[in-house]
ModelCIF file with pLDDT and N, C-alpha, C, O atoms, coordinates in Angstrom:
data_MODEL
#
_entry.id   MODEL 
#
_entity.id                         1 
_entity.type                       polymer 
_entity.pdbx_number_of_molecules   1 
#
_entity_poly.entity_id                      1 
_entity_poly.type                           'polypeptide(L)' 
_entity_poly.nstd_linkage                   no 
_entity_poly.nstd_monomer                   no 
_entity_poly.pdbx_seq_one_letter_code       GPSFETPAEIRAVRTLGADAVGMSTVPEAILSRFLGLKVAAVSV 
_entity_poly.pdbx_seq_one_letter_code_can   GPSFETPAEIRAVRTLGADAVGMSTVPEAILSRFLGLKVAAVSV 
_entity_poly.pdbx_strand_id                 A 
#
loop_
_entity_poly_seq.entity_id 
_entity_poly_seq.num 
_entity_poly_seq.mon_id 
_entity_poly_seq.hetero 
1 1  GLY n 
1 2  PRO n 
1 3  SER n 
1 4  PHE n 
1 5  GLU n 
1 6  THR n 
1 7  PRO n 
1 8  ALA n 
1 9  GLU n 
1 10 ILE n 
1 11 ARG n 
1 12 ALA n 
1 13 VAL n 
1 14 ARG n 
1 15 THR n 
1 16 LEU n 
1 17 GLY n 
1 18 ALA n 
1 19 ASP n 
1 20 ALA n 
1 21 VAL n 
1 22 GLY n 
1 23 MET n 
1 24 SER n 
1 25 THR n 
1 26 VAL n 
1 27 PRO n 
1 28 GLU n 
1 29 ALA n 
1 30 ILE n 
1 31 LEU n 
1 32 SER n 
1 33 ARG n 
1 34 PHE n 
1 35 LEU n 
1 36 GLY n 
1 37 LEU n 
1 38 LYS n 
1 39 VAL n 
1 40 ALA n 
1 41 ALA n 
1 42 VAL n 
1 43 SER n 
1 44 VAL n 
#
_struct_asym.id          A 
_struct_asym.entity_id   1 
#
loop_
_ma_qa_metric.id 
_ma_qa_metric.mode 
_ma_qa_metric.name 
_ma_qa_metric.software_group_id 
_ma_qa_metric.type 
1 global pLDDT . pLDDT 
2 local  pLDDT . pLDDT 
#
_ma_qa_metric_global.metric_id      1 
_ma_qa_metric_global.metric_value   95.95 
_ma_qa_metric_global.model_id       1 
_ma_qa_metric_global.ordinal_id     1 
#
loop_
_ma_qa_metric_local.label_asym_id 
_ma_qa_metric_local.label_comp_id 
_ma_qa_metric_local.label_seq_id 
_ma_qa_metric_local.metric_id 
_ma_qa_metric_local.metric_value 
_ma_qa_metric_local.model_id 
_ma_qa_metric_local.ordinal_id 
A GLY 1  2 90.00 1 1  
A PRO 2  2 93.00 1 2  
A SER 3  2 93.00 1 3  
A PHE 4  2 90.00 1 4  
A GLU 5  2 92.00 1 5  
A THR 6  2 94.00 1 6  
A PRO 7  2 93.00 1 7  
A ALA 8  2 95.00 1 8  
A GLU 9  2 95.00 1 9  
A ILE 10 2 95.00 1 10 
A ARG 11 2 95.00 1 11 
A ALA 12 2 96.00 1 12 
A VAL 13 2 96.00 1 13 
A ARG 14 2 96.00 1 14 
A THR 15 2 97.00 1 15 
A LEU 16 2 96.00 1 16 
A GLY 17 2 97.00 1 17 
A ALA 18 2 98.00 1 18 
A ASP 19 2 98.00 1 19 
A ALA 20 2 97.00 1 20 
A VAL 21 2 97.00 1 21 
A GLY 22 2 95.00 1 22 
A MET 23 2 94.00 1 23 
A SER 24 2 94.00 1 24 
A THR 25 2 96.00 1 25 
A VAL 26 2 98.00 1 26 
A PRO 27 2 97.00 1 27 
A GLU 28 2 97.00 1 28 
A ALA 29 2 98.00 1 29 
A ILE 30 2 98.00 1 30 
A LEU 31 2 98.00 1 31 
A SER 32 2 98.00 1 32 
A ARG 33 2 98.00 1 33 
A PHE 34 2 98.00 1 34 
A LEU 35 2 97.00 1 35 
A GLY 36 2 97.00 1 36 
A LEU 37 2 98.00 1 37 
A LYS 38 2 98.00 1 38 
A VAL 39 2 98.00 1 39 
A ALA 40 2 98.00 1 40 
A ALA 41 2 98.00 1 41 
A VAL 42 2 97.00 1 42 
A SER 43 2 96.00 1 43 
A VAL 44 2 93.00 1 44 
#
loop_
_atom_site.group_PDB 
_atom_site.id 
_atom_site.type_symbol 
_atom_site.label_atom_id 
_atom_site.label_alt_id 
_atom_site.label_comp_id 
_atom_site.label_asym_id 
_atom_site.label_entity_id 
_atom_site.label_seq_id 
_atom_site.pdbx_PDB_ins_code 
_atom_site.Cartn_x 
_atom_site.Cartn_y 
_atom_site.Cartn_z 
_atom_site.occupancy 
_atom_site.B_iso_or_equiv 
_atom_site.pdbx_formal_charge 
_atom_site.auth_seq_id 
_atom_site.auth_comp_id 
_atom_site.auth_asym_id 
_atom_site.auth_atom_id 
_atom_site.pdbx_PDB_model_num 
ATOM 1   N N  . GLY A 1 1  ? -54.487 -34.632 -54.964 1.00 90.00 ? 1  GLY A N  1 
ATOM 2   C CA . GLY A 1 1  ? -54.616 -34.737 -56.321 1.00 90.00 ? 1  GLY A CA 1 
ATOM 3   C C  . GLY A 1 1  ? -53.491 -34.527 -57.803 1.00 90.00 ? 1  GLY A C  1 
ATOM 4   O O  . GLY A 1 1  ? -52.336 -34.126 -57.663 1.00 90.00 ? 1  GLY A O  1 
ATOM 5   N N  . PRO A 1 2  ? -53.984 -34.815 -58.919 1.00 93.00 ? 2  PRO A N  1 
ATOM 6   C CA . PRO A 1 2  ? -54.931 -33.797 -59.155 1.00 93.00 ? 2  PRO A CA 1 
ATOM 7   C C  . PRO A 1 2  ? -56.176 -34.155 -59.255 1.00 93.00 ? 2  PRO A C  1 
ATOM 8   O O  . PRO A 1 2  ? -57.176 -33.442 -59.326 1.00 93.00 ? 2  PRO A O  1 
ATOM 9   N N  . SER A 1 3  ? -56.051 -35.598 -59.259 1.00 93.00 ? 3  SER A N  1 
ATOM 10  C CA . SER A 1 3  ? -57.291 -37.069 -59.071 1.00 93.00 ? 3  SER A CA 1 
ATOM 11  C C  . SER A 1 3  ? -58.358 -36.618 -57.807 1.00 93.00 ? 3  SER A C  1 
ATOM 12  O O  . SER A 1 3  ? -57.725 -35.929 -57.007 1.00 93.00 ? 3  SER A O  1 
ATOM 13  N N  . PHE A 1 4  ? -59.362 -36.743 -57.509 1.00 90.00 ? 4  PHE A N  1 
ATOM 14  C CA . PHE A 1 4  ? -60.522 -36.722 -56.052 1.00 90.00 ? 4  PHE A CA 1 
ATOM 15  C C  . PHE A 1 4  ? -60.085 -38.544 -55.472 1.00 90.00 ? 4  PHE A C  1 
ATOM 16  O O  . PHE A 1 4  ? -59.525 -39.409 -56.146 1.00 90.00 ? 4  PHE A O  1 
ATOM 17  N N  . GLU A 1 5  ? -60.608 -38.647 -53.964 1.00 92.00 ? 5  GLU A N  1 
ATOM 18  C CA . GLU A 1 5  ? -60.544 -39.088 -53.843 1.00 92.00 ? 5  GLU A CA 1 
ATOM 19  C C  . GLU A 1 5  ? -61.362 -40.707 -53.836 1.00 92.00 ? 5  GLU A C  1 
ATOM 20  O O  . GLU A 1 5  ? -62.515 -40.954 -53.485 1.00 92.00 ? 5  GLU A O  1 
ATOM 21  N N  . THR A 1 6  ? -60.581 -41.404 -54.219 1.00 94.00 ? 6  THR A N  1 
ATOM 22  C CA . THR A 1 6  ? -61.849 -42.511 -53.506 1.00 94.00 ? 6  THR A CA 1 
ATOM 23  C C  . THR A 1 6  ? -62.317 -42.742 -53.157 1.00 94.00 ? 6  THR A C  1 
ATOM 24  O O  . THR A 1 6  ? -61.642 -42.403 -52.185 1.00 94.00 ? 6  THR A O  1 
ATOM 25  N N  . PRO A 1 7  ? -63.970 -43.562 -52.320 1.00 93.00 ? 7  PRO A N  1 
ATOM 26  C CA . PRO A 1 7  ? -64.196 -43.467 -51.378 1.00 93.00 ? 7  PRO A CA 1 
ATOM 27  C C  . PRO A 1 7  ? -63.677 -44.344 -50.531 1.00 93.00 ? 7  PRO A C  1 
ATOM 28  O O  . PRO A 1 7  ? -63.924 -44.103 -49.349 1.00 93.00 ? 7  PRO A O  1 
ATOM 29  N N  . ALA A 1 8  ? -62.766 -45.683 -50.846 1.00 95.00 ? 8  ALA A N  1 
ATOM 30  C CA . ALA A 1 8  ? -61.722 -46.140 -49.966 1.00 95.00 ? 8  ALA A CA 1 
ATOM 31  C C  . ALA A 1 8  ? -61.007 -45.167 -48.805 1.00 95.00 ? 8  ALA A C  1 
ATOM 32  O O  . ALA A 1 8  ? -60.837 -45.437 -47.616 1.00 95.00 ? 8  ALA A O  1 
ATOM 33  N N  . GLU A 1 9  ? -60.638 -43.927 -49.541 1.00 95.00 ? 9  GLU A N  1 
ATOM 34  C CA . GLU A 1 9  ? -59.545 -43.423 -48.994 1.00 95.00 ? 9  GLU A CA 1 
ATOM 35  C C  . GLU A 1 9  ? -60.350 -42.059 -48.212 1.00 95.00 ? 9  GLU A C  1 
ATOM 36  O O  . GLU A 1 9  ? -59.786 -41.234 -47.494 1.00 95.00 ? 9  GLU A O  1 
ATOM 37  N N  . ILE A 1 10 ? -61.545 -42.080 -48.505 1.00 95.00 ? 10 ILE A N  1 
ATOM 38  C CA . ILE A 1 10 ? -62.810 -41.470 -47.774 1.00 95.00 ? 10 ILE A CA 1 
ATOM 39  C C  . ILE A 1 10 ? -63.284 -41.558 -46.965 1.00 95.00 ? 10 ILE A C  1 
ATOM 40  O O  . ILE A 1 10 ? -63.806 -40.655 -46.312 1.00 95.00 ? 10 ILE A O  1 
ATOM 41  N N  . ARG A 1 11 ? -63.248 -43.002 -46.679 1.00 95.00 ? 11 ARG A N  1 
ATOM 42  C CA . ARG A 1 11 ? -63.500 -43.898 -45.476 1.00 95.00 ? 11 ARG A CA 1 
ATOM 43  C C  . ARG A 1 11 ? -62.318 -44.154 -44.770 1.00 95.00 ? 11 ARG A C  1 
ATOM 44  O O  . ARG A 1 11 ? -62.585 -44.294 -43.576 1.00 95.00 ? 11 ARG A O  1 
ATOM 45  N N  . ALA A 1 12 ? -61.358 -44.249 -44.960 1.00 96.00 ? 12 ALA A N  1 
ATOM 46  C CA . ALA A 1 12 ? -59.657 -44.399 -44.302 1.00 96.00 ? 12 ALA A CA 1 
ATOM 47  C C  . ALA A 1 12 ? -59.097 -43.123 -43.804 1.00 96.00 ? 12 ALA A C  1 
ATOM 48  O O  . ALA A 1 12 ? -58.168 -43.152 -42.996 1.00 96.00 ? 12 ALA A O  1 
ATOM 49  N N  . VAL A 1 13 ? -59.691 -41.783 -44.310 1.00 96.00 ? 13 VAL A N  1 
ATOM 50  C CA . VAL A 1 13 ? -59.073 -41.009 -43.241 1.00 96.00 ? 13 VAL A CA 1 
ATOM 51  C C  . VAL A 1 13 ? -59.762 -40.231 -42.617 1.00 96.00 ? 13 VAL A C  1 
ATOM 52  O O  . VAL A 1 13 ? -59.275 -39.340 -41.921 1.00 96.00 ? 13 VAL A O  1 
ATOM 53  N N  . ARG A 1 14 ? -61.395 -40.489 -42.798 1.00 96.00 ? 14 ARG A N  1 
ATOM 54  C CA . ARG A 1 14 ? -62.900 -40.331 -42.446 1.00 96.00 ? 14 ARG A CA 1 
ATOM 55  C C  . ARG A 1 14 ? -61.513 -40.840 -40.323 1.00 96.00 ? 14 ARG A C  1 
ATOM 56  O O  . ARG A 1 14 ? -60.647 -40.311 -39.627 1.00 96.00 ? 14 ARG A O  1 
ATOM 57  N N  . THR A 1 15 ? -62.428 -42.264 -40.415 1.00 97.00 ? 15 THR A N  1 
ATOM 58  C CA . THR A 1 15 ? -61.284 -43.014 -39.264 1.00 97.00 ? 15 THR A CA 1 
ATOM 59  C C  . THR A 1 15 ? -59.895 -42.541 -38.744 1.00 97.00 ? 15 THR A C  1 
ATOM 60  O O  . THR A 1 15 ? -59.319 -43.166 -37.853 1.00 97.00 ? 15 THR A O  1 
ATOM 61  N N  . LEU A 1 16 ? -59.380 -41.452 -39.303 1.00 96.00 ? 16 LEU A N  1 
ATOM 62  C CA . LEU A 1 16 ? -58.483 -41.023 -38.980 1.00 96.00 ? 16 LEU A CA 1 
ATOM 63  C C  . LEU A 1 16 ? -58.678 -40.083 -38.236 1.00 96.00 ? 16 LEU A C  1 
ATOM 64  O O  . LEU A 1 16 ? -57.804 -39.843 -37.403 1.00 96.00 ? 16 LEU A O  1 
ATOM 65  N N  . GLY A 1 17 ? -60.278 -38.963 -38.305 1.00 97.00 ? 17 GLY A N  1 
ATOM 66  C CA . GLY A 1 17 ? -60.354 -37.845 -37.929 1.00 97.00 ? 17 GLY A CA 1 
ATOM 67  C C  . GLY A 1 17 ? -60.859 -36.978 -38.592 1.00 97.00 ? 17 GLY A C  1 
ATOM 68  O O  . GLY A 1 17 ? -61.751 -36.224 -38.201 1.00 97.00 ? 17 GLY A O  1 
ATOM 69  N N  . ALA A 1 18 ? -60.441 -36.981 -39.478 1.00 98.00 ? 18 ALA A N  1 
ATOM 70  C CA . ALA A 1 18 ? -60.463 -36.245 -40.831 1.00 98.00 ? 18 ALA A CA 1 
ATOM 71  C C  . ALA A 1 18 ? -62.112 -35.778 -41.207 1.00 98.00 ? 18 ALA A C  1 
ATOM 72  O O  . ALA A 1 18 ? -63.029 -36.600 -41.213 1.00 98.00 ? 18 ALA A O  1 
ATOM 73  N N  . ASP A 1 19 ? -62.246 -34.714 -41.429 1.00 98.00 ? 19 ASP A N  1 
ATOM 74  C CA . ASP A 1 19 ? -63.852 -33.674 -41.536 1.00 98.00 ? 19 ASP A CA 1 
ATOM 75  C C  . ASP A 1 19 ? -64.617 -32.812 -43.104 1.00 98.00 ? 19 ASP A C  1 
ATOM 76  O O  . ASP A 1 19 ? -65.686 -32.466 -43.608 1.00 98.00 ? 19 ASP A O  1 
ATOM 77  N N  . ALA A 1 20 ? -62.791 -32.836 -43.359 1.00 97.00 ? 20 ALA A N  1 
ATOM 78  C CA . ALA A 1 20 ? -62.709 -32.107 -44.519 1.00 97.00 ? 20 ALA A CA 1 
ATOM 79  C C  . ALA A 1 20 ? -62.168 -32.648 -45.728 1.00 97.00 ? 20 ALA A C  1 
ATOM 80  O O  . ALA A 1 20 ? -61.243 -33.346 -45.312 1.00 97.00 ? 20 ALA A O  1 
ATOM 81  N N  . VAL A 1 21 ? -62.193 -32.770 -47.296 1.00 97.00 ? 21 VAL A N  1 
ATOM 82  C CA . VAL A 1 21 ? -60.936 -32.877 -48.386 1.00 97.00 ? 21 VAL A CA 1 
ATOM 83  C C  . VAL A 1 21 ? -60.733 -32.157 -49.073 1.00 97.00 ? 21 VAL A C  1 
ATOM 84  O O  . VAL A 1 21 ? -61.464 -31.715 -49.959 1.00 97.00 ? 21 VAL A O  1 
ATOM 85  N N  . GLY A 1 22 ? -59.328 -31.796 -48.706 1.00 95.00 ? 22 GLY A N  1 
ATOM 86  C CA . GLY A 1 22 ? -59.455 -30.443 -50.215 1.00 95.00 ? 22 GLY A CA 1 
ATOM 87  C C  . GLY A 1 22 ? -57.607 -31.201 -50.579 1.00 95.00 ? 22 GLY A C  1 
ATOM 88  O O  . GLY A 1 22 ? -56.912 -32.087 -50.083 1.00 95.00 ? 22 GLY A O  1 
ATOM 89  N N  . MET A 1 23 ? -57.485 -30.271 -51.633 1.00 94.00 ? 23 MET A N  1 
ATOM 90  C CA . MET A 1 23 ? -55.747 -30.149 -52.831 1.00 94.00 ? 23 MET A CA 1 
ATOM 91  C C  . MET A 1 23 ? -55.293 -29.464 -52.139 1.00 94.00 ? 23 MET A C  1 
ATOM 92  O O  . MET A 1 23 ? -54.153 -29.929 -52.142 1.00 94.00 ? 23 MET A O  1 
ATOM 93  N N  . SER A 1 24 ? -55.254 -28.548 -51.395 1.00 94.00 ? 24 SER A N  1 
ATOM 94  C CA . SER A 1 24 ? -54.466 -27.093 -51.170 1.00 94.00 ? 24 SER A CA 1 
ATOM 95  C C  . SER A 1 24 ? -54.574 -27.133 -49.109 1.00 94.00 ? 24 SER A C  1 
ATOM 96  O O  . SER A 1 24 ? -54.799 -27.836 -48.123 1.00 94.00 ? 24 SER A O  1 
ATOM 97  N N  . THR A 1 25 ? -54.253 -25.943 -49.541 1.00 96.00 ? 25 THR A N  1 
ATOM 98  C CA . THR A 1 25 ? -54.303 -25.039 -47.905 1.00 96.00 ? 25 THR A CA 1 
ATOM 99  C C  . THR A 1 25 ? -53.090 -25.618 -47.037 1.00 96.00 ? 25 THR A C  1 
ATOM 100 O O  . THR A 1 25 ? -52.338 -24.942 -46.335 1.00 96.00 ? 25 THR A O  1 
ATOM 101 N N  . VAL A 1 26 ? -53.051 -26.928 -47.213 1.00 98.00 ? 26 VAL A N  1 
ATOM 102 C CA . VAL A 1 26 ? -51.660 -27.035 -45.609 1.00 98.00 ? 26 VAL A CA 1 
ATOM 103 C C  . VAL A 1 26 ? -50.473 -26.424 -46.294 1.00 98.00 ? 26 VAL A C  1 
ATOM 104 O O  . VAL A 1 26 ? -49.978 -25.326 -46.037 1.00 98.00 ? 26 VAL A O  1 
ATOM 105 N N  . PRO A 1 27 ? -50.192 -27.049 -46.953 1.00 97.00 ? 27 PRO A N  1 
ATOM 106 C CA . PRO A 1 27 ? -48.384 -26.801 -47.624 1.00 97.00 ? 27 PRO A CA 1 
ATOM 107 C C  . PRO A 1 27 ? -48.261 -25.300 -47.188 1.00 97.00 ? 27 PRO A C  1 
ATOM 108 O O  . PRO A 1 27 ? -47.313 -24.890 -46.519 1.00 97.00 ? 27 PRO A O  1 
ATOM 109 N N  . GLU A 1 28 ? -49.407 -24.431 -47.669 1.00 97.00 ? 28 GLU A N  1 
ATOM 110 C CA . GLU A 1 28 ? -49.130 -22.364 -47.338 1.00 97.00 ? 28 GLU A CA 1 
ATOM 111 C C  . GLU A 1 28 ? -49.406 -22.776 -45.553 1.00 97.00 ? 28 GLU A C  1 
ATOM 112 O O  . GLU A 1 28 ? -49.128 -21.811 -44.842 1.00 97.00 ? 28 GLU A O  1 
ATOM 113 N N  . ALA A 1 29 ? -49.775 -23.722 -44.953 1.00 98.00 ? 29 ALA A N  1 
ATOM 114 C CA . ALA A 1 29 ? -49.984 -23.611 -43.337 1.00 98.00 ? 29 ALA A CA 1 
ATOM 115 C C  . ALA A 1 29 ? -48.928 -24.040 -42.850 1.00 98.00 ? 29 ALA A C  1 
ATOM 116 O O  . ALA A 1 29 ? -49.120 -24.528 -41.737 1.00 98.00 ? 29 ALA A O  1 
ATOM 117 N N  . ILE A 1 30 ? -47.867 -24.077 -43.196 1.00 98.00 ? 30 ILE A N  1 
ATOM 118 C CA . ILE A 1 30 ? -47.054 -25.317 -43.332 1.00 98.00 ? 30 ILE A CA 1 
ATOM 119 C C  . ILE A 1 30 ? -45.805 -24.177 -43.517 1.00 98.00 ? 30 ILE A C  1 
ATOM 120 O O  . ILE A 1 30 ? -44.813 -24.379 -42.817 1.00 98.00 ? 30 ILE A O  1 
ATOM 121 N N  . LEU A 1 31 ? -45.792 -23.024 -44.392 1.00 98.00 ? 31 LEU A N  1 
ATOM 122 C CA . LEU A 1 31 ? -45.883 -22.722 -44.902 1.00 98.00 ? 31 LEU A CA 1 
ATOM 123 C C  . LEU A 1 31 ? -44.968 -21.083 -44.229 1.00 98.00 ? 31 LEU A C  1 
ATOM 124 O O  . LEU A 1 31 ? -43.830 -20.632 -44.360 1.00 98.00 ? 31 LEU A O  1 
ATOM 125 N N  . SER A 1 32 ? -46.469 -20.546 -43.365 1.00 98.00 ? 32 SER A N  1 
ATOM 126 C CA . SER A 1 32 ? -46.211 -19.877 -43.195 1.00 98.00 ? 32 SER A CA 1 
ATOM 127 C C  . SER A 1 32 ? -45.946 -19.537 -41.510 1.00 98.00 ? 32 SER A C  1 
ATOM 128 O O  . SER A 1 32 ? -45.727 -18.489 -40.902 1.00 98.00 ? 32 SER A O  1 
ATOM 129 N N  . ARG A 1 33 ? -46.080 -20.957 -41.097 1.00 98.00 ? 33 ARG A N  1 
ATOM 130 C CA . ARG A 1 33 ? -45.837 -21.438 -39.907 1.00 98.00 ? 33 ARG A CA 1 
ATOM 131 C C  . ARG A 1 33 ? -44.759 -20.942 -39.727 1.00 98.00 ? 33 ARG A C  1 
ATOM 132 O O  . ARG A 1 33 ? -44.627 -20.003 -38.942 1.00 98.00 ? 33 ARG A O  1 
ATOM 133 N N  . PHE A 1 34 ? -43.539 -21.560 -40.548 1.00 98.00 ? 34 PHE A N  1 
ATOM 134 C CA . PHE A 1 34 ? -41.795 -21.477 -40.650 1.00 98.00 ? 34 PHE A CA 1 
ATOM 135 C C  . PHE A 1 34 ? -41.709 -19.739 -40.939 1.00 98.00 ? 34 PHE A C  1 
ATOM 136 O O  . PHE A 1 34 ? -40.806 -19.138 -40.356 1.00 98.00 ? 34 PHE A O  1 
ATOM 137 N N  . LEU A 1 35 ? -42.487 -19.091 -41.681 1.00 97.00 ? 35 LEU A N  1 
ATOM 138 C CA . LEU A 1 35 ? -42.030 -17.162 -41.625 1.00 97.00 ? 35 LEU A CA 1 
ATOM 139 C C  . LEU A 1 35 ? -42.730 -16.437 -40.679 1.00 97.00 ? 35 LEU A C  1 
ATOM 140 O O  . LEU A 1 35 ? -42.540 -15.220 -40.668 1.00 97.00 ? 35 LEU A O  1 
ATOM 141 N N  . GLY A 1 36 ? -43.950 -17.206 -39.416 1.00 97.00 ? 36 GLY A N  1 
ATOM 142 C CA . GLY A 1 36 ? -44.218 -16.986 -38.251 1.00 97.00 ? 36 GLY A CA 1 
ATOM 143 C C  . GLY A 1 36 ? -45.771 -16.001 -38.366 1.00 97.00 ? 36 GLY A C  1 
ATOM 144 O O  . GLY A 1 36 ? -46.355 -15.103 -37.759 1.00 97.00 ? 36 GLY A O  1 
ATOM 145 N N  . LEU A 1 37 ? -45.895 -16.693 -39.325 1.00 98.00 ? 37 LEU A N  1 
ATOM 146 C CA . LEU A 1 37 ? -47.199 -15.884 -39.681 1.00 98.00 ? 37 LEU A CA 1 
ATOM 147 C C  . LEU A 1 37 ? -48.464 -16.426 -38.581 1.00 98.00 ? 37 LEU A C  1 
ATOM 148 O O  . LEU A 1 37 ? -48.661 -17.395 -37.848 1.00 98.00 ? 37 LEU A O  1 
ATOM 149 N N  . LYS A 1 38 ? -48.874 -15.684 -38.807 1.00 98.00 ? 38 LYS A N  1 
ATOM 150 C CA . LYS A 1 38 ? -49.930 -16.857 -37.850 1.00 98.00 ? 38 LYS A CA 1 
ATOM 151 C C  . LYS A 1 38 ? -51.558 -16.572 -38.974 1.00 98.00 ? 38 LYS A C  1 
ATOM 152 O O  . LYS A 1 38 ? -51.929 -15.658 -39.711 1.00 98.00 ? 38 LYS A O  1 
ATOM 153 N N  . VAL A 1 39 ? -52.390 -18.513 -38.368 1.00 98.00 ? 39 VAL A N  1 
ATOM 154 C CA . VAL A 1 39 ? -52.555 -18.585 -39.891 1.00 98.00 ? 39 VAL A CA 1 
ATOM 155 C C  . VAL A 1 39 ? -53.958 -19.203 -39.384 1.00 98.00 ? 39 VAL A C  1 
ATOM 156 O O  . VAL A 1 39 ? -54.113 -20.179 -38.651 1.00 98.00 ? 39 VAL A O  1 
ATOM 157 N N  . ALA A 1 40 ? -54.666 -18.605 -39.807 1.00 98.00 ? 40 ALA A N  1 
ATOM 158 C CA . ALA A 1 40 ? -56.294 -18.950 -40.130 1.00 98.00 ? 40 ALA A CA 1 
ATOM 159 C C  . ALA A 1 40 ? -56.894 -19.958 -41.689 1.00 98.00 ? 40 ALA A C  1 
ATOM 160 O O  . ALA A 1 40 ? -56.702 -19.849 -42.900 1.00 98.00 ? 40 ALA A O  1 
ATOM 161 N N  . ALA A 1 41 ? -57.543 -20.747 -40.955 1.00 98.00 ? 41 ALA A N  1 
ATOM 162 C CA . ALA A 1 41 ? -58.557 -20.896 -42.604 1.00 98.00 ? 41 ALA A CA 1 
ATOM 163 C C  . ALA A 1 41 ? -59.628 -21.401 -42.742 1.00 98.00 ? 41 ALA A C  1 
ATOM 164 O O  . ALA A 1 41 ? -60.086 -21.892 -41.711 1.00 98.00 ? 41 ALA A O  1 
ATOM 165 N N  . VAL A 1 42 ? -60.415 -21.505 -43.904 1.00 97.00 ? 42 VAL A N  1 
ATOM 166 C CA . VAL A 1 42 ? -62.013 -21.718 -44.068 1.00 97.00 ? 42 VAL A CA 1 
ATOM 167 C C  . VAL A 1 42 ? -62.330 -22.383 -45.205 1.00 97.00 ? 42 VAL A C  1 
ATOM 168 O O  . VAL A 1 42 ? -62.075 -21.977 -46.338 1.00 97.00 ? 42 VAL A O  1 
ATOM 169 N N  . SER A 1 43 ? -62.898 -23.431 -44.921 1.00 96.00 ? 43 SER A N  1 
ATOM 170 C CA . SER A 1 43 ? -63.274 -24.191 -46.484 1.00 96.00 ? 43 SER A CA 1 
ATOM 171 C C  . SER A 1 43 ? -64.448 -23.404 -47.007 1.00 96.00 ? 43 SER A C  1 
ATOM 172 O O  . SER A 1 43 ? -64.643 -22.255 -46.611 1.00 96.00 ? 43 SER A O  1 
ATOM 173 N N  . VAL A 1 44 ? -65.314 -24.048 -47.975 1.00 93.00 ? 44 VAL A N  1 
ATOM 174 C CA . VAL A 1 44 ? -65.427 -23.508 -48.803 1.00 93.00 ? 44 VAL A CA 1 
ATOM 175 C C  . VAL A 1 44 ? -66.454 -24.848 -49.061 1.00 93.00 ? 44 VAL A C  1 
ATOM 176 O O  . VAL A 1 44 ? -67.103 -24.937 -50.103 1.00 93.00 ? 44 VAL A O  1 
#
């Protein structure tokens, strides 16, 4: 982010296996696993 994705970028990550896109969550998931926390995530 903060700009939204382009249609070409969406086609690229769709080919790579993505089902949703966003600008957060992944850094916190990595940090949480680093800290030894169990993690789950839900996208609205």
